[in-house]
Amino acid sequence: MARLALADLRSGTVVLPADPAQPPVRVTVQPPGTAPIQPYGVARLSDGRLLFADRAGNRILCMAEDGSNFATFGVLGSGDGELRSPSGVAVGPDDRIYVADTGNCRIVAVDSMAAAGWQAYGTKGGPSADDPAVGRFAQPVAVAADAAGVVVADPGAARVVRLTTLDDAGWDATAPGQLRGPVAVALLPSGGIVVADLIARRLAFLSTPSAGVTGEVTDPLLAGPTAVVAVTDDLLAVCVAPITALVTVERSDGAWSVKLDRMLDKLGLRRPTALCLLP
C-alpha cells in the first residue's frame, strides 16, 4: 500500500506508512495558541503541505508534516472569506483549493491559502421528483478535483455531482436511486469516479454521474466505507466502519478483491473520515 495521510474526526491526523508494520506518525495540526480542531477532510498541495478541513474552527488549515509553514483561512459565516463546518477539501492540478462548505451548502474555491480568487457556488436544497435542484446541495461533505473539474459527494441528497465549472452550466448529477449514502469520492487516474456509499455498504463506480453506476464492489470488509483514495486505476485504499480498519481494494484480471490492510482502532484512531495519497 502507498503512504497515506488520514484525517480522524476524534483522534486528529496521522501519516500512515506504506508498511502496515510501521506505526502511524501523528501530525501536529494544532500550533501553540490555536483552538482545538476537528479535522474532517485532508488533501495535499504540490509543495508538500497538507490541508485540513477544520469543522470546529470553520476554516481550512495548511502546514507541513512537521508542523511548520502554518497558514489558515476562513472564519464562521456565509459571506466571502467565511465558512461554516467545512468537511471536505481537495486540490486541483493547478493547486486551486476546493472546499465542501457543508454548513453553507456550497462549494468554495480559492487560488491560494491567502483566499485569493474566492469563488462560491451553490445554495441549500435537494432534488425531488419534479425538481432536479441544479445548483443546490443538501449536505456536501467531500470533494475531489482533477483537470476535468470537481466531484462532490452530497449524502443529504443521495447523489454525486460533477462540476466542470463552478456554475449551473457545469452541472452533472446522478439520478435518484443510483446511490444511497455517498460520503466520499475519489478520482481514478483514467478519469472514472469511485464513490464510498456508506448506507449501501459498497464502492460504486461511475464514468460520469448522469451515466449512473457502472460497477460496484461489495464485501463484508466494506460494511460502511467512510473514505476512499485511488492509488492507481487498479488499487484503492478505503477506510471502513464499524470495525475501524483500512482495507485495500485491488483489481486483477478484471476482478476486484478486498483485503484487510490494518486495524485502525488498534492504532488509536476512532473515526476516520478522509484519506490523501502521499509520495
C-alpha atoms as a PDB file:
ATOM      1  CA  MET A   1       0.000   0.000   0.000  1.00  0.00           C
ATOM      2  CA  ALA A   2       1.084   3.578  -0.555  1.00  0.00           C
ATOM      3  CA  ARG A   3       1.897   6.183   2.076  1.00  0.00           C
ATOM      4  CA  LEU A   4      -1.303   7.952   3.161  1.00  0.00           C
ATOM      5  CA  ALA A   5      -2.460  10.896   5.259  1.00  0.00           C
ATOM      6  CA  LEU A   6      -5.595  10.138   7.247  1.00  0.00           C
ATOM      7  CA  ALA A   7      -7.984  12.570   8.939  1.00  0.00           C
ATOM      8  CA  ASP A   8      -9.743  11.232  12.011  1.00  0.00           C
ATOM      9  CA  LEU A   9     -12.531  13.347  13.480  1.00  0.00           C
ATOM     10  CA  ARG A  10     -11.830  12.210  17.029  1.00  0.00           C
ATOM     11  CA  SER A  11      -8.118  11.460  17.023  1.00  0.00           C
ATOM     12  CA  GLY A  12      -6.560  14.107  14.776  1.00  0.00           C
ATOM     13  CA  THR A  13      -4.441  13.459  11.716  1.00  0.00           C
ATOM     14  CA  VAL A  14      -1.761  10.860  11.068  1.00  0.00           C
ATOM     15  CA  VAL A  15       0.524   9.740   8.266  1.00  0.00           C
ATOM     16  CA  LEU A  16       0.250   6.010   7.654  1.00  0.00           C
ATOM     17  CA  PRO A  17       3.496   4.450   6.371  1.00  0.00           C
ATOM     18  CA  ALA A  18       3.205   2.121   3.409  1.00  0.00           C
ATOM     19  CA  ASP A  19       4.340  -0.761   5.604  1.00  0.00           C
ATOM     20  CA  PRO A  20       1.462  -1.821   7.886  1.00  0.00           C
ATOM     21  CA  ALA A  21       4.014  -2.994  10.467  1.00  0.00           C
ATOM     22  CA  GLN A  22       5.185   0.586  10.992  1.00  0.00           C
ATOM     23  CA  PRO A  23       3.265   2.816  13.445  1.00  0.00           C
ATOM     24  CA  PRO A  24       1.453   5.940  12.251  1.00  0.00           C
ATOM     25  CA  VAL A  25       3.160   9.313  12.555  1.00  0.00           C
ATOM     26  CA  ARG A  26       0.979  11.925  14.202  1.00  0.00           C
ATOM     27  CA  VAL A  27       0.781  15.319  12.514  1.00  0.00           C
ATOM     28  CA  THR A  28       0.618  18.277  14.898  1.00  0.00           C
ATOM     29  CA  VAL A  29      -2.259  20.191  13.354  1.00  0.00           C
ATOM     30  CA  GLN A  30      -2.800  22.453  16.365  1.00  0.00           C
ATOM     31  CA  PRO A  31       0.007  25.010  16.674  1.00  0.00           C
ATOM     32  CA  PRO A  32       0.528  26.578  20.113  1.00  0.00           C
ATOM     33  CA  GLY A  33      -2.084  29.180  20.960  1.00  0.00           C
ATOM     34  CA  THR A  34      -4.684  27.986  18.472  1.00  0.00           C
ATOM     35  CA  ALA A  35      -8.052  26.429  19.229  1.00  0.00           C
ATOM     36  CA  PRO A  36      -8.557  22.635  19.080  1.00  0.00           C
ATOM     37  CA  ILE A  37      -9.642  21.406  15.685  1.00  0.00           C
ATOM     38  CA  GLN A  38     -11.871  18.716  14.214  1.00  0.00           C
ATOM     39  CA  PRO A  39     -10.026  17.556  11.082  1.00  0.00           C
ATOM     40  CA  TYR A  40     -12.557  16.056   8.675  1.00  0.00           C
ATOM     41  CA  GLY A  41     -11.048  16.401   5.200  1.00  0.00           C
ATOM     42  CA  VAL A  42      -7.420  16.187   4.118  1.00  0.00           C
ATOM     43  CA  ALA A  43      -5.561  16.991   0.890  1.00  0.00           C
ATOM     44  CA  ARG A  44      -2.050  17.850  -0.271  1.00  0.00           C
ATOM     45  CA  LEU A  45      -0.622  20.856  -2.097  1.00  0.00           C
ATOM     46  CA  SER A  46       2.103  20.445  -4.707  1.00  0.00           C
ATOM     47  CA  ASP A  47       4.664  21.954  -2.314  1.00  0.00           C
ATOM     48  CA  GLY A  48       4.066  19.038   0.077  1.00  0.00           C
ATOM     49  CA  ARG A  49       1.984  20.856   2.670  1.00  0.00           C
ATOM     50  CA  LEU A  50      -1.154  19.179   3.962  1.00  0.00           C
ATOM     51  CA  LEU A  51      -4.576  20.819   4.006  1.00  0.00           C
ATOM     52  CA  PHE A  52      -7.196  20.098   6.651  1.00  0.00           C
ATOM     53  CA  ALA A  53     -10.882  20.992   6.744  1.00  0.00           C
ATOM     54  CA  ASP A  54     -11.495  22.015  10.355  1.00  0.00           C
ATOM     55  CA  ARG A  55     -15.193  21.619  11.098  1.00  0.00           C
ATOM     56  CA  ALA A  56     -14.921  23.015  14.624  1.00  0.00           C
ATOM     57  CA  GLY A  57     -12.913  26.073  13.594  1.00  0.00           C
ATOM     58  CA  ASN A  58     -14.854  26.853  10.392  1.00  0.00           C
ATOM     59  CA  ARG A  59     -11.590  27.118   8.491  1.00  0.00           C
ATOM     60  CA  ILE A  60      -9.019  25.427   6.294  1.00  0.00           C
ATOM     61  CA  LEU A  61      -5.604  24.790   7.822  1.00  0.00           C
ATOM     62  CA  CYS A  62      -2.355  24.203   5.965  1.00  0.00           C
ATOM     63  CA  MET A  63       1.009  23.036   7.258  1.00  0.00           C
ATOM     64  CA  ALA A  64       3.992  20.819   6.532  1.00  0.00           C
ATOM     65  CA  GLU A  65       4.064  17.364   8.076  1.00  0.00           C
ATOM     66  CA  ASP A  66       6.472  18.613  10.748  1.00  0.00           C
ATOM     67  CA  GLY A  67       4.084  21.392  11.775  1.00  0.00           C
ATOM     68  CA  SER A  68       5.967  24.233  10.071  1.00  0.00           C
ATOM     69  CA  ASN A  69       4.774  26.695   7.421  1.00  0.00           C
ATOM     70  CA  PHE A  70       1.357  27.069   9.042  1.00  0.00           C
ATOM     71  CA  ALA A  71      -1.413  29.011   7.281  1.00  0.00           C
ATOM     72  CA  THR A  72      -5.189  29.257   7.552  1.00  0.00           C
ATOM     73  CA  PHE A  73      -8.221  30.893   6.001  1.00  0.00           C
ATOM     74  CA  GLY A  74     -11.880  31.061   6.934  1.00  0.00           C
ATOM     75  CA  VAL A  75     -13.991  32.294   9.851  1.00  0.00           C
ATOM     76  CA  LEU A  76     -17.565  31.475  10.819  1.00  0.00           C
ATOM     77  CA  GLY A  77     -20.103  32.928   8.414  1.00  0.00           C
ATOM     78  CA  SER A  78     -21.621  32.652   4.974  1.00  0.00           C
ATOM     79  CA  GLY A  79     -20.016  35.513   3.067  1.00  0.00           C
ATOM     80  CA  ASP A  80     -16.746  35.820   1.189  1.00  0.00           C
ATOM     81  CA  GLY A  81     -13.872  34.526   3.277  1.00  0.00           C
ATOM     82  CA  GLU A  82     -16.281  32.720   5.599  1.00  0.00           C
ATOM     83  CA  LEU A  83     -17.066  29.034   6.126  1.00  0.00           C
ATOM     84  CA  ARG A  84     -19.473  27.010   8.225  1.00  0.00           C
ATOM     85  CA  SER A  85     -18.460  23.470   9.295  1.00  0.00           C
ATOM     86  CA  PRO A  86     -16.355  22.666   6.202  1.00  0.00           C
ATOM     87  CA  SER A  87     -15.973  18.907   5.758  1.00  0.00           C
ATOM     88  CA  GLY A  88     -14.079  18.267   2.534  1.00  0.00           C
ATOM     89  CA  VAL A  89     -11.043  19.776   0.858  1.00  0.00           C
ATOM     90  CA  ALA A  90      -9.329  18.965  -2.437  1.00  0.00           C
ATOM     91  CA  VAL A  91      -6.555  20.349  -4.627  1.00  0.00           C
ATOM     92  CA  GLY A  92      -6.757  20.641  -8.403  1.00  0.00           C
ATOM     93  CA  PRO A  93      -3.849  20.116 -10.838  1.00  0.00           C
ATOM     94  CA  ASP A  94      -3.224  23.890 -10.788  1.00  0.00           C
ATOM     95  CA  ASP A  95      -3.117  23.899  -6.949  1.00  0.00           C
ATOM     96  CA  ARG A  96      -6.513  25.584  -6.723  1.00  0.00           C
ATOM     97  CA  ILE A  97      -8.180  24.631  -3.442  1.00  0.00           C
ATOM     98  CA  TYR A  98     -11.785  23.380  -3.324  1.00  0.00           C
ATOM     99  CA  VAL A  99     -13.814  23.178  -0.108  1.00  0.00           C
ATOM    100  CA  ALA A 100     -17.061  21.399   0.699  1.00  0.00           C
ATOM    101  CA  ASP A 101     -18.563  24.171   2.829  1.00  0.00           C
ATOM    102  CA  THR A 102     -21.095  21.844   4.405  1.00  0.00           C
ATOM    103  CA  GLY A 103     -22.925  24.239   6.707  1.00  0.00           C
ATOM    104  CA  ASN A 104     -23.415  26.744   3.894  1.00  0.00           C
ATOM    105  CA  CYS A 105     -24.453  24.051   1.366  1.00  0.00           C
ATOM    106  CA  ARG A 106     -21.956  25.228  -1.212  1.00  0.00           C
ATOM    107  CA  ILE A 107     -18.576  24.630  -2.825  1.00  0.00           C
ATOM    108  CA  VAL A 108     -15.855  27.235  -2.353  1.00  0.00           C
ATOM    109  CA  ALA A 109     -12.728  27.610  -4.472  1.00  0.00           C
ATOM    110  CA  VAL A 110      -9.649  29.757  -3.813  1.00  0.00           C
ATOM    111  CA  ASP A 111      -6.385  30.194  -5.665  1.00  0.00           C
ATOM    112  CA  SER A 112      -4.177  30.043  -2.576  1.00  0.00           C
ATOM    113  CA  MET A 113      -4.156  29.895   1.208  1.00  0.00           C
ATOM    114  CA  ALA A 114      -4.428  33.693   1.125  1.00  0.00           C
ATOM    115  CA  ALA A 115      -8.001  33.068  -0.118  1.00  0.00           C
ATOM    116  CA  ALA A 116      -7.294  34.995  -3.318  1.00  0.00           C
ATOM    117  CA  GLY A 117      -9.748  34.399  -6.143  1.00  0.00           C
ATOM    118  CA  TRP A 118     -12.572  33.447  -3.759  1.00  0.00           C
ATOM    119  CA  GLN A 119     -15.476  31.816  -5.589  1.00  0.00           C
ATOM    120  CA  ALA A 120     -18.550  30.250  -4.029  1.00  0.00           C
ATOM    121  CA  TYR A 121     -21.187  28.163  -5.775  1.00  0.00           C
ATOM    122  CA  GLY A 122     -24.379  26.514  -4.557  1.00  0.00           C
ATOM    123  CA  THR A 123     -27.346  27.055  -2.263  1.00  0.00           C
ATOM    124  CA  LYS A 124     -29.329  24.864   0.116  1.00  0.00           C
ATOM    125  CA  GLY A 125     -31.785  22.360  -1.362  1.00  0.00           C
ATOM    126  CA  GLY A 126     -32.237  18.855  -2.658  1.00  0.00           C
ATOM    127  CA  PRO A 127     -33.806  17.137  -5.657  1.00  0.00           C
ATOM    128  CA  SER A 128     -37.383  15.941  -5.869  1.00  0.00           C
ATOM    129  CA  ALA A 129     -39.416  14.124  -8.497  1.00  0.00           C
ATOM    130  CA  ASP A 130     -40.259  17.422 -10.154  1.00  0.00           C
ATOM    131  CA  ASP A 131     -37.174  19.473  -9.372  1.00  0.00           C
ATOM    132  CA  PRO A 132     -33.604  18.372 -10.232  1.00  0.00           C
ATOM    133  CA  ALA A 133     -32.292  21.132  -7.941  1.00  0.00           C
ATOM    134  CA  VAL A 134     -29.465  22.219 -10.210  1.00  0.00           C
ATOM    135  CA  GLY A 135     -27.075  24.383  -8.239  1.00  0.00           C
ATOM    136  CA  ARG A 136     -28.370  23.222  -4.873  1.00  0.00           C
ATOM    137  CA  PHE A 137     -26.747  20.967  -2.275  1.00  0.00           C
ATOM    138  CA  ALA A 138     -28.301  19.332   0.765  1.00  0.00           C
ATOM    139  CA  GLN A 139     -25.117  18.285   2.574  1.00  0.00           C
ATOM    140  CA  PRO A 140     -21.882  18.466   0.552  1.00  0.00           C
ATOM    141  CA  VAL A 141     -19.271  16.618   2.641  1.00  0.00           C
ATOM    142  CA  ALA A 142     -16.495  15.549   0.272  1.00  0.00           C
ATOM    143  CA  VAL A 143     -14.816  16.868  -2.866  1.00  0.00           C
ATOM    144  CA  ALA A 144     -12.255  15.597  -5.340  1.00  0.00           C
ATOM    145  CA  ALA A 145     -10.675  17.555  -8.181  1.00  0.00           C
ATOM    146  CA  ASP A 146      -8.888  16.855 -11.445  1.00  0.00           C
ATOM    147  CA  ALA A 147      -8.328  18.589 -14.774  1.00  0.00           C
ATOM    148  CA  ALA A 148     -11.972  17.957 -15.737  1.00  0.00           C
ATOM    149  CA  GLY A 149     -13.405  19.780 -12.724  1.00  0.00           C
ATOM    150  CA  VAL A 150     -14.739  18.952  -9.274  1.00  0.00           C
ATOM    151  CA  VAL A 151     -16.740  15.990  -7.960  1.00  0.00           C
ATOM    152  CA  VAL A 152     -18.934  16.447  -4.884  1.00  0.00           C
ATOM    153  CA  ALA A 153     -20.422  13.825  -2.560  1.00  0.00           C
ATOM    154  CA  ASP A 154     -23.781  15.062  -1.243  1.00  0.00           C
ATOM    155  CA  PRO A 155     -25.229  12.363   1.049  1.00  0.00           C
ATOM    156  CA  GLY A 156     -28.105  14.588   2.142  1.00  0.00           C
ATOM    157  CA  ALA A 157     -29.364  14.498  -1.440  1.00  0.00           C
ATOM    158  CA  ALA A 158     -28.141  10.900  -2.011  1.00  0.00           C
ATOM    159  CA  ARG A 159     -26.214  11.936  -5.097  1.00  0.00           C
ATOM    160  CA  VAL A 160     -22.831  12.781  -6.578  1.00  0.00           C
ATOM    161  CA  VAL A 161     -22.315  15.872  -8.722  1.00  0.00           C
ATOM    162  CA  ARG A 162     -19.537  16.700 -11.171  1.00  0.00           C
ATOM    163  CA  LEU A 163     -18.898  20.377 -11.921  1.00  0.00           C
ATOM    164  CA  THR A 164     -16.782  21.164 -14.959  1.00  0.00           C
ATOM    165  CA  THR A 165     -17.051  24.800 -13.891  1.00  0.00           C
ATOM    166  CA  LEU A 166     -18.445  26.316 -10.701  1.00  0.00           C
ATOM    167  CA  ASP A 167     -21.770  27.308 -12.225  1.00  0.00           C
ATOM    168  CA  ASP A 168     -25.016  25.723 -13.369  1.00  0.00           C
ATOM    169  CA  ALA A 169     -23.626  25.135 -16.863  1.00  0.00           C
ATOM    170  CA  GLY A 170     -21.089  22.659 -15.496  1.00  0.00           C
ATOM    171  CA  TRP A 171     -23.629  20.597 -13.508  1.00  0.00           C
ATOM    172  CA  ASP A 172     -23.917  16.813 -13.963  1.00  0.00           C
ATOM    173  CA  ALA A 173     -25.571  14.703 -11.252  1.00  0.00           C
ATOM    174  CA  THR A 174     -26.573  11.130 -10.541  1.00  0.00           C
ATOM    175  CA  ALA A 175     -30.251  10.321 -10.889  1.00  0.00           C
ATOM    176  CA  PRO A 176     -32.433   9.397  -7.880  1.00  0.00           C
ATOM    177  CA  GLY A 177     -31.970   5.796  -6.750  1.00  0.00           C
ATOM    178  CA  GLN A 178     -28.409   5.391  -8.033  1.00  0.00           C
ATOM    179  CA  LEU A 179     -26.804   5.993  -4.629  1.00  0.00           C
ATOM    180  CA  ARG A 180     -27.994   5.881  -1.028  1.00  0.00           C
ATOM    181  CA  GLY A 181     -25.320   7.456   1.162  1.00  0.00           C
ATOM    182  CA  PRO A 182     -22.343   8.783  -0.821  1.00  0.00           C
ATOM    183  CA  VAL A 183     -19.938  10.133   1.828  1.00  0.00           C
ATOM    184  CA  ALA A 184     -16.629  10.135  -0.077  1.00  0.00           C
ATOM    185  CA  VAL A 185     -15.387  10.252  -3.652  1.00  0.00           C
ATOM    186  CA  ALA A 186     -12.092   9.530  -5.390  1.00  0.00           C
ATOM    187  CA  LEU A 187     -10.992  10.117  -8.968  1.00  0.00           C
ATOM    188  CA  LEU A 188      -9.213   7.374 -10.877  1.00  0.00           C
ATOM    189  CA  PRO A 189      -6.175   8.383 -12.962  1.00  0.00           C
ATOM    190  CA  SER A 190      -8.158   7.286 -16.033  1.00  0.00           C
ATOM    191  CA  GLY A 191     -10.972   9.708 -15.165  1.00  0.00           C
ATOM    192  CA  GLY A 192     -13.588   7.490 -13.556  1.00  0.00           C
ATOM    193  CA  ILE A 193     -15.253   8.207 -10.209  1.00  0.00           C
ATOM    194  CA  VAL A 194     -15.242   5.922  -7.163  1.00  0.00           C
ATOM    195  CA  VAL A 195     -17.946   6.526  -4.555  1.00  0.00           C
ATOM    196  CA  ALA A 196     -17.948   5.298  -0.960  1.00  0.00           C
ATOM    197  CA  ASP A 197     -21.650   4.569  -0.448  1.00  0.00           C
ATOM    198  CA  LEU A 198     -21.927   4.239   3.317  1.00  0.00           C
ATOM    199  CA  ILE A 199     -25.584   3.211   3.520  1.00  0.00           C
ATOM    200  CA  ALA A 200     -25.408   0.751   0.604  1.00  0.00           C
ATOM    201  CA  ARG A 201     -22.178  -0.696   2.109  1.00  0.00           C
ATOM    202  CA  ARG A 202     -20.283  -0.706  -1.174  1.00  0.00           C
ATOM    203  CA  LEU A 203     -17.967   1.092  -3.536  1.00  0.00           C
ATOM    204  CA  ALA A 204     -19.741   2.315  -6.659  1.00  0.00           C
ATOM    205  CA  PHE A 205     -18.063   3.219  -9.951  1.00  0.00           C
ATOM    206  CA  LEU A 206     -19.236   5.971 -12.314  1.00  0.00           C
ATOM    207  CA  SER A 207     -17.901   7.096 -15.673  1.00  0.00           C
ATOM    208  CA  THR A 208     -19.979  10.267 -15.277  1.00  0.00           C
ATOM    209  CA  PRO A 209     -22.672  10.959 -12.678  1.00  0.00           C
ATOM    210  CA  SER A 210     -25.520  11.138 -15.195  1.00  0.00           C
ATOM    211  CA  ALA A 211     -24.457   7.811 -16.732  1.00  0.00           C
ATOM    212  CA  GLY A 212     -25.158   6.150 -13.396  1.00  0.00           C
ATOM    213  CA  VAL A 213     -23.430   3.321 -11.585  1.00  0.00           C
ATOM    214  CA  THR A 214     -21.454   1.142 -13.986  1.00  0.00           C
ATOM    215  CA  GLY A 215     -19.990  -1.253 -11.414  1.00  0.00           C
ATOM    216  CA  GLU A 216     -19.658  -1.926  -7.720  1.00  0.00           C
ATOM    217  CA  VAL A 217     -17.592  -3.790  -5.147  1.00  0.00           C
ATOM    218  CA  THR A 218     -19.269  -5.356  -2.142  1.00  0.00           C
ATOM    219  CA  ASP A 219     -17.626  -7.398   0.577  1.00  0.00           C
ATOM    220  CA  PRO A 220     -18.093  -7.962   4.319  1.00  0.00           C
ATOM    221  CA  LEU A 221     -14.960  -5.855   4.877  1.00  0.00           C
ATOM    222  CA  LEU A 222     -16.637  -2.945   3.072  1.00  0.00           C
ATOM    223  CA  ALA A 223     -19.506  -2.727   5.568  1.00  0.00           C
ATOM    224  CA  GLY A 224     -19.546   1.028   5.984  1.00  0.00           C
ATOM    225  CA  PRO A 225     -16.911   2.744   3.781  1.00  0.00           C
ATOM    226  CA  THR A 226     -16.145   6.237   5.086  1.00  0.00           C
ATOM    227  CA  ALA A 227     -13.150   7.325   2.991  1.00  0.00           C
ATOM    228  CA  VAL A 228     -11.539   6.282  -0.289  1.00  0.00           C
ATOM    229  CA  VAL A 229      -8.473   7.225  -2.308  1.00  0.00           C
ATOM    230  CA  ALA A 230      -7.240   5.871  -5.647  1.00  0.00           C
ATOM    231  CA  VAL A 231      -3.601   4.795  -5.631  1.00  0.00           C
ATOM    232  CA  THR A 232      -3.892   3.569  -9.245  1.00  0.00           C
ATOM    233  CA  ASP A 233      -6.788   2.583 -11.503  1.00  0.00           C
ATOM    234  CA  ASP A 234      -6.491  -0.903 -10.030  1.00  0.00           C
ATOM    235  CA  LEU A 235      -5.692  -0.184  -6.379  1.00  0.00           C
ATOM    236  CA  LEU A 236      -7.859   1.671  -3.852  1.00  0.00           C
ATOM    237  CA  ALA A 237      -7.414   2.368  -0.151  1.00  0.00           C
ATOM    238  CA  VAL A 238     -10.625   2.502   1.870  1.00  0.00           C
ATOM    239  CA  CYS A 239     -11.432   3.282   5.495  1.00  0.00           C
ATOM    240  CA  VAL A 240     -14.387   1.331   6.851  1.00  0.00           C
ATOM    241  CA  ALA A 241     -16.628   1.410   9.907  1.00  0.00           C
ATOM    242  CA  PRO A 242     -17.742  -0.013  12.289  1.00  0.00           C
ATOM    243  CA  ILE A 243     -14.571  -2.131  12.545  1.00  0.00           C
ATOM    244  CA  THR A 244     -12.402   0.992  12.022  1.00  0.00           C
ATOM    245  CA  ALA A 245      -9.978  -0.501   9.548  1.00  0.00           C
ATOM    246  CA  LEU A 246      -8.037   0.330   6.414  1.00  0.00           C
ATOM    247  CA  VAL A 247      -8.621  -2.103   3.567  1.00  0.00           C
ATOM    248  CA  THR A 248      -7.217  -2.426   0.071  1.00  0.00           C
ATOM    249  CA  VAL A 249      -9.422  -3.000  -2.947  1.00  0.00           C
ATOM    250  CA  GLU A 250      -7.378  -4.336  -5.850  1.00  0.00           C
ATOM    251  CA  ARG A 251      -8.278  -5.397  -9.381  1.00  0.00           C
ATOM    252  CA  SER A 252      -6.539  -8.263 -11.149  1.00  0.00           C
ATOM    253  CA  ASP A 253      -7.705  -9.879 -14.390  1.00  0.00           C
ATOM    254  CA  GLY A 254     -10.885  -7.820 -14.233  1.00  0.00           C
ATOM    255  CA  ALA A 255     -11.919  -8.979 -10.743  1.00  0.00           C
ATOM    256  CA  TRP A 256     -11.771  -6.928  -7.541  1.00  0.00           C
ATOM    257  CA  SER A 257     -10.507  -8.382  -4.250  1.00  0.00           C
ATOM    258  CA  VAL A 258     -10.806  -6.799  -0.792  1.00  0.00           C
ATOM    259  CA  LYS A 259      -8.156  -7.343   1.883  1.00  0.00           C
ATOM    260  CA  LEU A 260      -7.563  -6.034   5.374  1.00  0.00           C
ATOM    261  CA  ASP A 261      -4.518  -3.762   5.481  1.00  0.00           C
ATOM    262  CA  ARG A 262      -4.533  -2.768   9.161  1.00  0.00           C
ATOM    263  CA  MET A 263      -6.885  -2.265  12.104  1.00  0.00           C
ATOM    264  CA  LEU A 264      -7.011   1.461  12.767  1.00  0.00           C
ATOM    265  CA  ASP A 265      -8.611   1.230  16.194  1.00  0.00           C
ATOM    266  CA  LYS A 266      -5.504  -0.572  17.447  1.00  0.00           C
ATOM    267  CA  LEU A 267      -3.513   2.478  16.300  1.00  0.00           C
ATOM    268  CA  GLY A 268      -5.614   4.813  18.454  1.00  0.00           C
ATOM    269  CA  LEU A 269      -7.883   6.009  15.649  1.00  0.00           C
ATOM    270  CA  ARG A 270     -11.615   6.183  16.178  1.00  0.00           C
ATOM    271  CA  ARG A 271     -13.460   7.861  13.298  1.00  0.00           C
ATOM    272  CA  PRO A 272     -11.529   8.109  10.020  1.00  0.00           C
ATOM    273  CA  THR A 273     -13.188  10.491   7.590  1.00  0.00           C
ATOM    274  CA  ALA A 274     -10.733  11.149   4.744  1.00  0.00           C
ATOM    275  CA  LEU A 275      -7.614   9.823   3.029  1.00  0.00           C
ATOM    276  CA  CYS A 276      -4.961  11.548   0.950  1.00  0.00           C
ATOM    277  CA  LEU A 277      -2.258   9.921  -1.165  1.00  0.00           C
ATOM    278  CA  LEU A 278       1.311  10.972  -0.303  1.00  0.00           C
ATOM    279  CA  PRO A 279       4.533  10.461  -2.296  1.00  0.00           C
END
